[in-house]
Amino acid sequence: MGNLNRVMIIGNTGRDAELRYTANGTAVSDFSMAVNSRRRSQQSGEWEDETEWFQVVLFGDRAERISQYITKGKQLYVEGRLRTRNWDDDQGVRHYRTEVIANNVEFLDRRGESGGGGDWGGSSGAGDWSGGGRGQAPSDVDDLPFE
C-alpha cells in the first residue's frame, strides 16, 4: 500500500503573508490560518466553537505571485501536505512546528467582501493561483488591489 500526506483546509487568514528569500534565492511566503468548527459538549449539551490554527508555507513562483494578496481576514482554500520541523533554541530546548506546505491556494472571498479579492475565474468563483497552467494571474486586472 502506498503513502499519502495530504491536507485540505478552508479558513480565514490570521495575518498578512510574509515574503522572504532563502540564501539560494528561493521565495518563501508564510501565513497563519484559523479553521473553525462546532461541536456539542458532552457535559453541557451546548454547542461550542473550536478554532484550530495552521501555519501555511508557499515556495517559489507561487509565493511571489500571490503572497501580496494574502492579507489578514481573507477566506482561503488551501491544499497541500504536512511537514514537521524541529530545532533547538539558545537554551537547548527542542521546538517543533507542523506546517502545511501548500500546492494549491484558492481565494474564496467574493468581490467586495473583506476588502476585495476572489471572483477571479473558475466555476466556483474562487481564484485559483496554484500554477500548473491554471490561472497564472487574475483575468480581470482592474479588480486587483494595487496600492
C-alpha atoms as a PDB file:
ATOM      1  CA  MET A   1       0.000   0.000   0.000  1.00  0.00           C
ATOM      2  CA  GLY A   2       1.259   3.498  -0.839  1.00  0.00           C
ATOM      3  CA  ASN A   3       1.666   6.528   1.382  1.00  0.00           C
ATOM      4  CA  LEU A   4      -0.440   9.666   1.459  1.00  0.00           C
ATOM      5  CA  ASN A   5       0.269  13.045   3.051  1.00  0.00           C
ATOM      6  CA  ARG A   6      -2.492  15.433   2.026  1.00  0.00           C
ATOM      7  CA  VAL A   7      -4.398  18.139   3.864  1.00  0.00           C
ATOM      8  CA  MET A   8      -7.229  20.429   2.736  1.00  0.00           C
ATOM      9  CA  ILE A   9      -8.385  23.353   4.858  1.00  0.00           C
ATOM     10  CA  ILE A  10     -10.825  26.233   4.470  1.00  0.00           C
ATOM     11  CA  GLY A  11     -10.470  29.113   6.864  1.00  0.00           C
ATOM     12  CA  ASN A  12      -9.507  32.720   7.375  1.00  0.00           C
ATOM     13  CA  THR A  13      -6.019  34.136   7.409  1.00  0.00           C
ATOM     14  CA  GLY A  14      -4.832  35.344  10.787  1.00  0.00           C
ATOM     15  CA  ARG A  15      -2.183  37.701   9.443  1.00  0.00           C
ATOM     16  CA  ASP A  16      -0.764  39.044   6.199  1.00  0.00           C
ATOM     17  CA  ALA A  17       1.572  36.709   4.340  1.00  0.00           C
ATOM     18  CA  GLU A  18       5.272  37.437   4.803  1.00  0.00           C
ATOM     19  CA  LEU A  19       7.544  37.023   1.777  1.00  0.00           C
ATOM     20  CA  ARG A  20      11.265  36.360   2.175  1.00  0.00           C
ATOM     21  CA  TYR A  21      14.020  34.619   0.238  1.00  0.00           C
ATOM     22  CA  THR A  22      16.344  31.775   1.147  1.00  0.00           C
ATOM     23  CA  ALA A  23      20.116  32.097   0.763  1.00  0.00           C
ATOM     24  CA  ASN A  24      19.884  30.497  -2.697  1.00  0.00           C
ATOM     25  CA  GLY A  25      17.162  32.934  -3.807  1.00  0.00           C
ATOM     26  CA  THR A  26      14.029  30.773  -3.440  1.00  0.00           C
ATOM     27  CA  ALA A  27      10.941  32.769  -2.481  1.00  0.00           C
ATOM     28  CA  VAL A  28       9.182  31.605   0.703  1.00  0.00           C
ATOM     29  CA  SER A  29       5.895  33.002   1.944  1.00  0.00           C
ATOM     30  CA  ASP A  30       4.143  32.032   5.150  1.00  0.00           C
ATOM     31  CA  PHE A  31       0.943  32.975   6.965  1.00  0.00           C
ATOM     32  CA  SER A  32      -1.437  31.586   9.576  1.00  0.00           C
ATOM     33  CA  MET A  33      -4.973  30.323   9.043  1.00  0.00           C
ATOM     34  CA  ALA A  34      -7.779  29.791  11.543  1.00  0.00           C
ATOM     35  CA  VAL A  35     -10.198  26.944  10.854  1.00  0.00           C
ATOM     36  CA  ASN A  36     -13.354  26.943  12.964  1.00  0.00           C
ATOM     37  CA  SER A  37     -15.575  24.001  13.829  1.00  0.00           C
ATOM     38  CA  ARG A  38     -18.551  23.440  16.114  1.00  0.00           C
ATOM     39  CA  ARG A  39     -19.253  20.514  18.350  1.00  0.00           C
ATOM     40  CA  ARG A  40     -21.749  19.707  21.061  1.00  0.00           C
ATOM     41  CA  SER A  41     -20.282  19.495  24.550  1.00  0.00           C
ATOM     42  CA  GLN A  42     -20.817  16.073  26.122  1.00  0.00           C
ATOM     43  CA  GLN A  43     -21.130  17.656  29.561  1.00  0.00           C
ATOM     44  CA  SER A  44     -23.431  20.630  28.939  1.00  0.00           C
ATOM     45  CA  GLY A  45     -25.045  19.682  25.638  1.00  0.00           C
ATOM     46  CA  GLU A  46     -24.352  23.226  24.379  1.00  0.00           C
ATOM     47  CA  TRP A  47     -22.668  23.963  21.069  1.00  0.00           C
ATOM     48  CA  GLU A  48     -19.030  25.035  21.391  1.00  0.00           C
ATOM     49  CA  ASP A  49     -16.805  26.702  18.822  1.00  0.00           C
ATOM     50  CA  GLU A  50     -13.258  25.449  18.381  1.00  0.00           C
ATOM     51  CA  THR A  51     -10.508  27.149  16.409  1.00  0.00           C
ATOM     52  CA  GLU A  52      -7.523  25.259  15.063  1.00  0.00           C
ATOM     53  CA  TRP A  53      -4.569  27.335  13.821  1.00  0.00           C
ATOM     54  CA  PHE A  54      -2.404  26.237  10.892  1.00  0.00           C
ATOM     55  CA  GLN A  55       0.874  27.661   9.616  1.00  0.00           C
ATOM     56  CA  VAL A  56       0.898  27.666   5.795  1.00  0.00           C
ATOM     57  CA  VAL A  57       4.037  27.913   3.637  1.00  0.00           C
ATOM     58  CA  LEU A  58       4.329  28.624  -0.101  1.00  0.00           C
ATOM     59  CA  PHE A  59       7.517  28.282  -2.147  1.00  0.00           C
ATOM     60  CA  GLY A  60       8.906  29.644  -5.412  1.00  0.00           C
ATOM     61  CA  ASP A  61       6.955  31.495  -8.083  1.00  0.00           C
ATOM     62  CA  ARG A  62       3.659  30.727  -6.365  1.00  0.00           C
ATOM     63  CA  ALA A  63       4.866  32.514  -3.221  1.00  0.00           C
ATOM     64  CA  GLU A  64       5.931  35.569  -5.221  1.00  0.00           C
ATOM     65  CA  ARG A  65       2.727  35.730  -7.274  1.00  0.00           C
ATOM     66  CA  ILE A  66       0.113  35.561  -4.567  1.00  0.00           C
ATOM     67  CA  SER A  67       1.629  36.468  -1.194  1.00  0.00           C
ATOM     68  CA  GLN A  68       0.788  40.167  -1.641  1.00  0.00           C
ATOM     69  CA  TYR A  69      -2.927  39.261  -1.907  1.00  0.00           C
ATOM     70  CA  ILE A  70      -2.985  37.074   1.207  1.00  0.00           C
ATOM     71  CA  THR A  71      -3.994  39.583   3.847  1.00  0.00           C
ATOM     72  CA  LYS A  72      -5.495  39.194   7.302  1.00  0.00           C
ATOM     73  CA  GLY A  73      -9.108  38.014   7.234  1.00  0.00           C
ATOM     74  CA  LYS A  74      -9.159  36.553   3.694  1.00  0.00           C
ATOM     75  CA  GLN A  75     -11.067  33.303   3.332  1.00  0.00           C
ATOM     76  CA  LEU A  76      -8.936  30.693   1.564  1.00  0.00           C
ATOM     77  CA  TYR A  77      -8.995  27.080   0.485  1.00  0.00           C
ATOM     78  CA  VAL A  78      -5.527  25.571   0.898  1.00  0.00           C
ATOM     79  CA  GLU A  79      -4.415  22.142  -0.225  1.00  0.00           C
ATOM     80  CA  GLY A  80      -1.017  20.664   0.439  1.00  0.00           C
ATOM     81  CA  ARG A  81       0.961  18.331   2.658  1.00  0.00           C
ATOM     82  CA  LEU A  82       2.040  18.403   6.297  1.00  0.00           C
ATOM     83  CA  ARG A  83       5.660  18.851   7.305  1.00  0.00           C
ATOM     84  CA  THR A  84       7.039  18.989  10.842  1.00  0.00           C
ATOM     85  CA  ARG A  85      10.312  20.785  11.508  1.00  0.00           C
ATOM     86  CA  ASN A  86      12.304  20.855  14.725  1.00  0.00           C
ATOM     87  CA  TRP A  87      15.097  22.988  16.082  1.00  0.00           C
ATOM     88  CA  ASP A  88      16.906  23.712  19.335  1.00  0.00           C
ATOM     89  CA  ASP A  89      16.782  27.222  20.776  1.00  0.00           C
ATOM     90  CA  ASP A  90      19.654  29.038  22.527  1.00  0.00           C
ATOM     91  CA  GLN A  91      18.858  27.263  25.811  1.00  0.00           C
ATOM     92  CA  GLY A  92      18.939  23.837  24.144  1.00  0.00           C
ATOM     93  CA  VAL A  93      15.153  23.351  24.252  1.00  0.00           C
ATOM     94  CA  ARG A  94      13.770  21.390  21.286  1.00  0.00           C
ATOM     95  CA  HIS A  95      10.853  23.055  19.452  1.00  0.00           C
ATOM     96  CA  TYR A  96       8.502  21.558  16.857  1.00  0.00           C
ATOM     97  CA  ARG A  97       6.392  23.242  14.209  1.00  0.00           C
ATOM     98  CA  THR A  98       3.950  21.484  11.901  1.00  0.00           C
ATOM     99  CA  GLU A  99       3.226  23.383   8.677  1.00  0.00           C
ATOM    100  CA  VAL A 100       1.017  22.984   5.642  1.00  0.00           C
ATOM    101  CA  ILE A 101       3.227  23.114   2.547  1.00  0.00           C
ATOM    102  CA  ALA A 102       0.682  24.496   0.079  1.00  0.00           C
ATOM    103  CA  ASN A 103       0.485  23.397  -3.529  1.00  0.00           C
ATOM    104  CA  ASN A 104      -2.946  24.917  -4.200  1.00  0.00           C
ATOM    105  CA  VAL A 105      -4.424  28.164  -2.855  1.00  0.00           C
ATOM    106  CA  GLU A 106      -7.848  29.469  -3.820  1.00  0.00           C
ATOM    107  CA  PHE A 107      -9.360  32.771  -2.730  1.00  0.00           C
ATOM    108  CA  LEU A 108     -12.941  32.218  -1.579  1.00  0.00           C
ATOM    109  CA  ASP A 109     -13.897  35.817  -0.753  1.00  0.00           C
ATOM    110  CA  ARG A 110     -16.384  37.281  -3.169  1.00  0.00           C
ATOM    111  CA  ARG A 111     -15.709  40.648  -4.781  1.00  0.00           C
ATOM    112  CA  GLY A 112     -16.418  43.491  -2.365  1.00  0.00           C
ATOM    113  CA  GLU A 113     -16.081  41.370   0.786  1.00  0.00           C
ATOM    114  CA  SER A 114     -13.091  41.646   3.107  1.00  0.00           C
ATOM    115  CA  GLY A 115     -11.611  44.444   1.039  1.00  0.00           C
ATOM    116  CA  GLY A 116     -11.961  42.740  -2.347  1.00  0.00           C
ATOM    117  CA  GLY A 117     -10.323  39.628  -3.686  1.00  0.00           C
ATOM    118  CA  GLY A 118     -11.733  36.419  -5.092  1.00  0.00           C
ATOM    119  CA  ASP A 119     -14.053  36.002  -8.070  1.00  0.00           C
ATOM    120  CA  TRP A 120     -11.082  35.704 -10.442  1.00  0.00           C
ATOM    121  CA  GLY A 121     -12.181  32.763 -12.524  1.00  0.00           C
ATOM    122  CA  GLY A 122     -13.252  29.183 -12.159  1.00  0.00           C
ATOM    123  CA  SER A 123     -16.789  27.888 -11.930  1.00  0.00           C
ATOM    124  CA  SER A 124     -16.923  28.302  -8.161  1.00  0.00           C
ATOM    125  CA  GLY A 125     -15.999  31.982  -8.313  1.00  0.00           C
ATOM    126  CA  ALA A 126     -12.778  31.225  -6.495  1.00  0.00           C
ATOM    127  CA  GLY A 127      -9.403  32.456  -7.688  1.00  0.00           C
ATOM    128  CA  ASP A 128      -7.013  29.556  -8.182  1.00  0.00           C
ATOM    129  CA  TRP A 129      -3.368  30.557  -8.458  1.00  0.00           C
ATOM    130  CA  SER A 130      -1.893  27.154  -7.938  1.00  0.00           C
ATOM    131  CA  GLY A 131       0.176  27.221 -11.107  1.00  0.00           C
ATOM    132  CA  GLY A 132       0.435  24.247 -13.421  1.00  0.00           C
ATOM    133  CA  GLY A 133      -1.307  26.042 -16.265  1.00  0.00           C
ATOM    134  CA  ARG A 134      -4.391  27.110 -14.344  1.00  0.00           C
ATOM    135  CA  GLY A 135      -4.928  30.770 -13.538  1.00  0.00           C
ATOM    136  CA  GLN A 136      -1.420  32.152 -13.664  1.00  0.00           C
ATOM    137  CA  ALA A 137      -2.842  35.563 -12.739  1.00  0.00           C
ATOM    138  CA  PRO A 138      -6.265  37.146 -12.318  1.00  0.00           C
ATOM    139  CA  SER A 139      -8.014  37.690 -15.614  1.00  0.00           C
ATOM    140  CA  ASP A 140      -9.633  40.973 -14.606  1.00  0.00           C
ATOM    141  CA  VAL A 141      -6.666  43.181 -13.770  1.00  0.00           C
ATOM    142  CA  ASP A 142      -8.893  46.163 -12.911  1.00  0.00           C
ATOM    143  CA  ASP A 143     -10.093  44.265  -9.810  1.00  0.00           C
ATOM    144  CA  LEU A 144      -6.622  43.739  -8.357  1.00  0.00           C
ATOM    145  CA  PRO A 145      -5.953  45.536  -5.082  1.00  0.00           C
ATOM    146  CA  PHE A 146      -2.951  47.537  -6.259  1.00  0.00           C
ATOM    147  CA  GLU A 147      -1.859  50.325  -3.984  1.00  0.00           C
END
